[in-house]
């Protein structure tokens, strides 16, 4: 046993403040000011979209407002989820060396298998399901996602301890393609909870202990309990006030499908859904004026997609596929999770072939 992982519980918080604390942990771990840390997270009712998702497309915002459900945008990719005090969130922020420098796919598998082993000690048969889920009997009990920021890994997960499935269908707009892929009529059929499997919700302390021990065993690490530091709280509050807690950040991607003149195409692959939103320019409409990629995919770090969008502006449409391939070839290996250049190319080509959205 060569490493020690700090374990903290930051208590019940509003969704955007939880995301801001995650960001503060990443920054401080990069600076060497906190050790490798496993954080347990508790959410007030929140509908949470992935870093690259279109807010209004993924969430029923009217239903969220009526039910008093907050909205937030996380720093990781992936799909929209609903969280409340009946679910347990967790985040591992650590040095990449803890995983011997493995790529994101390898790290995801190791963490999910470790979490599944830990949860199974509660009396269930939890299994890792690629690309980033943990299931029991084919039904999802935990979703995960993460990214590398330099030499630091941020990896997040949830455990469905107890949940009203109807709320998911009320506040989330689950894509029909996703339900079709799983042969389901609604999102509630895709999930299960510890309460349903065990007959009653287990104490959260037991769930947390099971997860922590599963991860520690996989990583051959010791655990020590601690409290959040004043530095973490201060930096989290700053991130909340300046970016993550603002409507500007949460609404950063919203309504992209409804802008007049935009062409929209999508591609659903093993690594998730990619939507391309393109505005063409030039006398013959053969040049990219601007392009936006949304969806539930994972990339490392998240800014990779923003940099791609900037790099493709003013590209001839005929050169777009090669420009995307060249960009991805320039990236460090190991940052993608079942998604790559061809997925973005397919979405972009579908958008170019589509008719532009009419003005209302």
Protein backbone atom coordinates (compact mmCIF):
# COMPACT_ATOMS: atom_id res chain seq x y z
CA UNK A 1 0.00 0.00 0.00
CA UNK A 2 1.76 3.12 -1.22
CA UNK A 3 -0.89 5.86 -1.35
CA UNK A 4 -3.52 7.39 0.87
CA UNK A 5 -6.88 8.75 -0.28
CA UNK A 6 -8.63 11.44 1.72
CA UNK A 7 -12.40 10.86 2.13
CA UNK A 8 -14.71 13.84 2.68
CA UNK A 9 -18.48 14.35 2.79
CA UNK A 10 -19.61 17.84 1.83
CA UNK A 11 -23.24 17.42 2.88
CA UNK A 12 -26.46 18.49 1.16
CA UNK A 13 -25.93 21.35 -1.28
CA UNK A 14 -27.64 23.08 -4.18
CA UNK A 15 -26.64 21.56 -7.51
CA UNK A 16 -24.56 24.40 -8.91
CA UNK A 17 -22.64 24.72 -5.64
CA UNK A 18 -21.78 21.02 -5.81
CA UNK A 19 -20.35 21.44 -9.31
CA UNK A 20 -18.38 24.49 -8.19
CA UNK A 21 -16.83 22.47 -5.37
CA UNK A 22 -15.76 19.82 -7.87
CA UNK A 23 -14.02 22.47 -9.94
CA UNK A 24 -12.28 23.86 -6.87
CA UNK A 25 -10.96 20.40 -6.01
CA UNK A 26 -9.51 19.94 -9.51
CA UNK A 27 -7.74 23.31 -9.34
CA UNK A 28 -6.30 22.69 -5.88
CA UNK A 29 -5.19 19.15 -6.74
CA UNK A 30 -3.37 20.52 -9.80
CA UNK A 31 -1.58 22.94 -7.50
CA UNK A 32 -0.68 20.17 -5.05
CA UNK A 33 -2.66 21.86 -2.28
CA UNK A 34 -4.96 18.91 -1.53
CA UNK A 35 -4.24 15.17 -1.61
CA UNK A 36 -5.97 12.55 -3.73
CA UNK A 37 -9.57 12.79 -2.55
CA UNK A 38 -12.81 10.83 -2.68
CA UNK A 39 -15.74 13.17 -2.09
CA UNK A 40 -19.29 12.11 -1.26
CA UNK A 41 -21.93 14.49 -2.59
CA UNK A 42 -25.58 15.09 -1.73
CA UNK A 43 -27.87 17.11 -4.01
CA UNK A 44 -30.95 19.16 -3.50
CA UNK A 45 -33.38 18.32 -6.37
CA UNK A 46 -31.40 19.12 -9.51
CA UNK A 47 -31.63 18.37 -13.23
CA UNK A 48 -28.03 18.23 -14.36
CA UNK A 49 -26.84 18.37 -17.98
CA UNK A 50 -23.48 17.31 -19.37
CA UNK A 51 -20.86 19.88 -20.35
CA UNK A 52 -21.74 19.79 -24.07
CA UNK A 53 -25.52 19.34 -23.91
CA UNK A 54 -28.24 21.74 -25.04
CA UNK A 55 -30.12 22.67 -21.85
CA UNK A 56 -33.60 23.17 -23.31
CA UNK A 57 -33.31 20.12 -25.52
CA UNK A 58 -32.37 17.80 -22.65
CA UNK A 59 -34.56 19.20 -19.87
CA UNK A 60 -38.24 20.04 -19.53
CA UNK A 61 -37.56 23.46 -18.06
CA UNK A 62 -41.23 24.22 -17.35
CA UNK A 63 -41.54 20.98 -15.36
CA UNK A 64 -38.34 21.77 -13.48
CA UNK A 65 -39.72 25.17 -12.48
CA UNK A 66 -43.09 23.73 -11.43
CA UNK A 67 -41.46 21.00 -9.31
CA UNK A 68 -38.86 23.29 -7.75
CA UNK A 69 -36.02 21.39 -9.40
CA UNK A 70 -32.83 23.37 -9.94
CA UNK A 71 -30.77 23.21 -13.12
CA UNK A 72 -27.00 22.94 -13.40
CA UNK A 73 -24.28 22.18 -15.96
CA UNK A 74 -21.45 19.92 -14.89
CA UNK A 75 -17.84 20.06 -16.03
CA UNK A 76 -17.87 16.47 -17.33
CA UNK A 77 -19.56 15.17 -20.47
CA UNK A 78 -22.31 12.59 -20.66
CA UNK A 79 -26.08 12.77 -20.51
CA UNK A 80 -28.65 14.62 -18.44
CA UNK A 81 -29.52 13.17 -15.03
CA UNK A 82 -31.86 13.96 -12.17
CA UNK A 83 -30.46 14.06 -8.63
CA UNK A 84 -32.04 14.58 -5.24
CA UNK A 85 -31.32 13.55 -1.62
CA UNK A 86 -32.37 9.98 -2.50
CA UNK A 87 -29.21 9.50 -4.54
CA UNK A 88 -25.57 9.55 -3.62
CA UNK A 89 -22.97 11.35 -5.68
CA UNK A 90 -19.24 10.76 -5.48
CA UNK A 91 -16.16 12.23 -7.10
CA UNK A 92 -12.58 11.01 -7.19
CA UNK A 93 -10.04 13.78 -7.79
CA UNK A 94 -6.55 12.38 -7.90
CA UNK A 95 -3.20 12.24 -9.63
CA UNK A 96 -3.25 10.37 -12.91
CA UNK A 97 -0.28 8.37 -11.61
CA UNK A 98 -2.64 6.56 -9.26
CA UNK A 99 -3.75 4.62 -12.36
CA UNK A 100 -0.26 4.14 -13.82
CA UNK A 101 -1.05 6.63 -16.59
CA UNK A 102 -3.87 4.60 -18.19
CA UNK A 103 -6.14 6.14 -20.82
CA UNK A 104 -9.68 7.26 -20.01
CA UNK A 105 -11.27 4.00 -21.17
CA UNK A 106 -8.96 1.90 -18.98
CA UNK A 107 -9.44 4.18 -15.98
CA UNK A 108 -13.22 4.11 -16.42
CA UNK A 109 -13.26 0.32 -16.47
CA UNK A 110 -11.07 0.04 -13.36
CA UNK A 111 -13.12 2.55 -11.36
CA UNK A 112 -16.48 1.10 -12.41
CA UNK A 113 -15.40 -2.46 -11.65
CA UNK A 114 -14.11 -1.34 -8.26
CA UNK A 115 -17.33 0.56 -7.48
CA UNK A 116 -19.40 -2.44 -8.61
CA UNK A 117 -17.40 -4.74 -6.34
CA UNK A 118 -17.93 -2.39 -3.44
CA UNK A 119 -21.67 -2.07 -4.04
CA UNK A 120 -21.98 -5.85 -4.33
CA UNK A 121 -20.95 -6.19 -0.67
CA UNK A 122 -24.34 -4.65 0.17
CA UNK A 123 -26.05 -7.80 -1.13
CA UNK A 124 -26.58 -7.07 -4.82
CA UNK A 125 -24.88 -8.35 -7.99
CA UNK A 126 -23.51 -5.13 -9.48
CA UNK A 127 -21.61 -5.34 -12.77
CA UNK A 128 -19.72 -2.85 -14.94
CA UNK A 129 -21.41 -2.20 -18.28
CA UNK A 130 -19.32 -0.38 -20.90
CA UNK A 131 -18.98 2.41 -21.59
CA UNK A 132 -19.54 3.94 -18.16
CA UNK A 133 -22.48 2.38 -16.28
CA UNK A 134 -22.91 -0.01 -13.37
CA UNK A 135 -25.93 -2.29 -13.62
CA UNK A 136 -27.82 -4.91 -11.66
CA UNK A 137 -29.75 -7.40 -13.78
CA UNK A 138 -29.42 -5.17 -16.84
CA UNK A 139 -30.79 -2.08 -15.09
CA UNK A 140 -28.65 0.92 -14.33
CA UNK A 141 -27.87 1.70 -10.70
CA UNK A 142 -24.92 4.00 -11.27
CA UNK A 143 -23.67 6.26 -14.05
CA UNK A 144 -20.16 7.66 -14.19
CA UNK A 145 -17.98 10.00 -16.22
CA UNK A 146 -14.68 11.74 -16.03
CA UNK A 147 -11.86 13.61 -17.71
CA UNK A 148 -8.18 14.39 -17.35
CA UNK A 149 -7.06 17.95 -16.67
CA UNK A 150 -3.33 17.73 -17.18
CA UNK A 151 -2.04 15.18 -14.68
CA UNK A 152 -5.23 15.24 -12.59
CA UNK A 153 -8.20 12.92 -12.99
CA UNK A 154 -11.72 14.11 -12.19
CA UNK A 155 -14.08 11.13 -12.12
CA UNK A 156 -17.70 11.35 -10.96
CA UNK A 157 -20.45 8.86 -10.29
CA UNK A 158 -23.87 8.45 -8.75
CA UNK A 159 -25.61 5.65 -6.91
CA UNK A 160 -29.41 5.39 -7.08
CA UNK A 161 -30.26 4.66 -3.47
CA UNK A 162 -33.92 5.66 -3.52
CA UNK A 163 -35.78 7.55 -6.23
CA UNK A 164 -39.19 8.45 -7.59
CA UNK A 165 -38.85 7.25 -11.23
CA UNK A 166 -41.74 9.44 -12.33
CA UNK A 167 -39.67 12.53 -11.61
CA UNK A 168 -37.08 11.47 -14.18
CA UNK A 169 -39.68 11.28 -16.93
CA UNK A 170 -41.10 14.60 -15.80
CA UNK A 171 -37.95 16.73 -15.90
CA UNK A 172 -35.71 14.95 -18.41
CA UNK A 173 -36.33 14.77 -22.16
CA UNK A 174 -34.76 11.37 -22.79
CA UNK A 175 -34.03 10.98 -26.53
CA UNK A 176 -36.21 8.41 -28.27
CA UNK A 177 -33.11 6.95 -29.93
CA UNK A 178 -31.64 6.16 -26.52
CA UNK A 179 -34.81 4.42 -25.37
CA UNK A 180 -35.07 2.50 -28.65
CA UNK A 181 -31.49 1.29 -28.27
CA UNK A 182 -32.43 -0.22 -24.91
CA UNK A 183 -35.88 -1.45 -26.11
CA UNK A 184 -37.67 0.64 -23.48
CA UNK A 185 -40.75 2.83 -23.43
CA UNK A 186 -39.52 5.29 -20.81
CA UNK A 187 -36.39 6.12 -18.84
CA UNK A 188 -37.74 4.66 -15.60
CA UNK A 189 -37.56 1.15 -17.05
CA UNK A 190 -33.83 1.54 -17.56
CA UNK A 191 -32.94 2.08 -13.89
CA UNK A 192 -33.17 0.42 -10.50
CA UNK A 193 -32.34 1.49 -6.94
CA UNK A 194 -30.79 -0.04 -3.85
CA UNK A 195 -34.15 0.42 -2.11
CA UNK A 196 -35.93 -1.63 -4.78
CA UNK A 197 -33.28 -4.36 -4.75
CA UNK A 198 -32.90 -4.64 -0.97
CA UNK A 199 -36.47 -3.90 0.11
CA UNK A 200 -35.49 -0.68 1.85
CA UNK A 201 -32.87 2.02 1.32
CA UNK A 202 -29.66 1.16 3.19
CA UNK A 203 -28.03 3.82 5.39
CA UNK A 204 -25.97 6.19 3.26
CA UNK A 205 -22.98 5.64 5.54
CA UNK A 206 -22.97 1.96 4.55
CA UNK A 207 -23.15 2.78 0.84
CA UNK A 208 -20.30 5.27 1.18
CA UNK A 209 -18.16 2.78 3.08
CA UNK A 210 -18.79 0.08 0.47
CA UNK A 211 -17.80 2.38 -2.40
CA UNK A 212 -14.71 3.70 -0.63
CA UNK A 213 -13.46 0.23 0.24
CA UNK A 214 -14.05 -1.01 -3.30
CA UNK A 215 -11.99 1.82 -4.76
CA UNK A 216 -9.26 1.52 -2.13
CA UNK A 217 -8.84 -2.19 -2.77
CA UNK A 218 -8.58 -1.71 -6.53
CA UNK A 219 -6.02 1.07 -6.12
CA UNK A 220 -4.16 -0.61 -3.26
CA UNK A 221 -4.60 2.58 -1.25
CA UNK A 222 -5.39 3.48 2.32
CA UNK A 223 -8.28 5.73 3.34
CA UNK A 224 -8.48 8.51 5.90
CA UNK A 225 -11.52 10.61 6.80
CA UNK A 226 -11.24 14.39 6.79
CA UNK A 227 -13.21 17.60 6.41
CA UNK A 228 -13.34 20.04 3.49
CA UNK A 229 -10.70 22.73 3.86
CA UNK A 230 -11.37 26.45 4.14
CA UNK A 231 -9.40 26.89 0.91
CA UNK A 232 -11.69 24.46 -0.92
CA UNK A 233 -14.80 26.23 0.35
CA UNK A 234 -13.49 29.67 -0.60
CA UNK A 235 -12.43 28.63 -4.10
CA UNK A 236 -15.73 26.78 -4.63
CA UNK A 237 -17.68 29.90 -3.65
CA UNK A 238 -15.61 31.97 -6.07
CA UNK A 239 -16.21 29.48 -8.92
CA UNK A 240 -19.92 29.48 -8.10
CA UNK A 241 -20.22 33.27 -8.14
CA UNK A 242 -18.05 33.89 -11.18
CA UNK A 243 -19.02 31.04 -13.50
CA UNK A 244 -20.65 27.76 -12.50
CA UNK A 245 -23.52 29.22 -10.48
CA UNK A 246 -24.47 31.78 -13.12
CA UNK A 247 -27.34 31.42 -15.55
CA UNK A 248 -24.94 32.49 -18.29
CA UNK A 249 -22.88 29.34 -17.78
CA UNK A 250 -25.82 26.95 -17.38
CA UNK A 251 -27.57 28.47 -20.43
CA UNK A 252 -24.33 28.60 -22.44
CA UNK A 253 -25.73 25.97 -24.83
CA UNK A 254 -29.49 26.37 -25.17
CA UNK A 255 -31.82 26.51 -28.15
CA UNK A 256 -29.15 25.73 -30.76
CA UNK A 257 -31.70 23.77 -32.83
CA UNK A 258 -34.03 26.77 -33.06
CA UNK A 259 -31.72 29.42 -34.53
CA UNK A 260 -32.75 30.53 -38.01
CA UNK A 261 -30.29 29.53 -40.71
CA UNK A 262 -28.62 26.81 -38.65
CA UNK A 263 -28.34 23.33 -40.18
CA UNK A 264 -28.55 20.45 -37.71
CA UNK A 265 -27.36 16.86 -38.10
CA UNK A 266 -26.70 14.10 -35.63
CA UNK A 267 -24.82 10.85 -35.33
CA UNK A 268 -25.49 8.17 -32.69
CA UNK A 269 -22.56 5.84 -32.18
CA UNK A 270 -21.26 3.51 -29.45
CA UNK A 271 -19.70 6.47 -27.65
CA UNK A 272 -22.86 8.56 -27.50
CA UNK A 273 -24.85 11.11 -29.45
CA UNK A 274 -23.12 13.93 -31.35
CA UNK A 275 -25.16 16.79 -32.82
CA UNK A 276 -23.59 19.27 -35.21
CA UNK A 277 -25.09 22.75 -35.61
CA UNK A 278 -23.58 24.57 -38.60
CA UNK A 279 -24.08 28.00 -40.11
CA UNK A 280 -22.65 28.19 -43.64
CA UNK A 281 -21.16 31.26 -45.30
CA UNK A 282 -19.87 32.36 -48.70
CA UNK A 283 -21.63 32.99 -52.04
CA UNK A 284 -22.15 29.27 -52.61
CA UNK A 285 -22.70 28.35 -48.95
CA UNK A 286 -19.59 26.20 -49.00
CA UNK A 287 -17.70 27.58 -46.02
CA UNK A 288 -18.26 27.09 -42.27
CA UNK A 289 -19.12 30.38 -40.61
CA UNK A 290 -19.57 28.71 -37.21
CA UNK A 291 -20.08 25.22 -35.85
CA UNK A 292 -21.26 23.84 -32.52
CA UNK A 293 -21.09 20.22 -31.36
CA UNK A 294 -23.52 19.15 -28.63
CA UNK A 295 -24.33 15.74 -27.17
CA UNK A 296 -23.71 13.28 -24.37
CA UNK A 297 -20.19 12.24 -25.31
CA UNK A 298 -17.06 12.29 -23.13
CA UNK A 299 -13.80 13.94 -24.18
CA UNK A 300 -10.68 14.88 -22.24
CA UNK A 301 -10.38 17.65 -21.32
CA UNK A 302 -13.80 19.20 -22.11
CA UNK A 303 -12.20 22.19 -23.86
CA UNK A 304 -11.10 19.83 -26.67
CA UNK A 305 -14.47 20.32 -28.37
CA UNK A 306 -14.48 24.09 -27.90
CA UNK A 307 -11.04 24.27 -29.49
CA UNK A 308 -12.24 22.06 -32.36
CA UNK A 309 -15.17 24.39 -33.02
CA UNK A 310 -12.82 27.37 -33.16
CA UNK A 311 -10.40 25.54 -35.47
CA UNK A 312 -13.13 24.70 -37.99
CA UNK A 313 -14.43 28.24 -38.51
CA UNK A 314 -14.01 29.41 -42.11
CA UNK A 315 -13.10 25.89 -43.26
CA UNK A 316 -14.43 24.92 -46.71
CA UNK A 317 -17.14 22.30 -46.30
CA UNK A 318 -15.24 20.01 -48.68
CA UNK A 319 -12.21 20.12 -46.38
CA UNK A 320 -14.14 19.63 -43.14
CA UNK A 321 -13.60 15.85 -42.75
CA UNK A 322 -9.84 16.13 -43.16
CA UNK A 323 -9.69 19.18 -40.89
CA UNK A 324 -11.47 17.23 -38.14
CA UNK A 325 -9.16 14.21 -38.59
CA UNK A 326 -6.08 16.42 -38.50
CA UNK A 327 -7.28 18.09 -35.31
CA UNK A 328 -7.91 14.77 -33.53
CA UNK A 329 -4.59 13.38 -34.72
CA UNK A 330 -2.88 16.28 -32.95
CA UNK A 331 -4.38 15.41 -29.56
CA UNK A 332 -2.62 13.32 -26.90
CA UNK A 333 -3.65 9.66 -27.01
CA UNK A 334 -6.09 8.24 -24.48
CA UNK A 335 -8.48 11.16 -24.04
CA UNK A 336 -11.56 9.78 -25.78
CA UNK A 337 -14.05 7.27 -24.49
CA UNK A 338 -15.50 5.33 -27.47
CA UNK A 339 -15.73 8.45 -29.59
CA UNK A 340 -13.46 10.06 -32.13
CA UNK A 341 -13.03 12.04 -35.32
CA UNK A 342 -15.37 9.91 -37.45
CA UNK A 343 -18.29 10.52 -35.08
CA UNK A 344 -17.88 14.28 -35.37
CA UNK A 345 -17.43 14.02 -39.15
CA UNK A 346 -20.64 12.01 -39.53
CA UNK A 347 -22.61 14.58 -37.53
CA UNK A 348 -21.08 17.50 -39.45
CA UNK A 349 -21.81 15.94 -42.85
CA UNK A 350 -25.39 15.24 -41.81
CA UNK A 351 -25.78 18.88 -40.81
CA UNK A 352 -24.34 20.19 -44.09
CA UNK A 353 -26.82 18.02 -46.00
CA UNK A 354 -29.79 19.22 -43.92
CA UNK A 355 -32.07 22.11 -44.72
CA UNK A 356 -31.50 25.27 -42.65
CA UNK A 357 -33.88 26.04 -39.84
CA UNK A 358 -36.55 28.56 -40.87
CA UNK A 359 -37.00 31.82 -39.00
CA UNK A 360 -40.06 31.81 -36.75
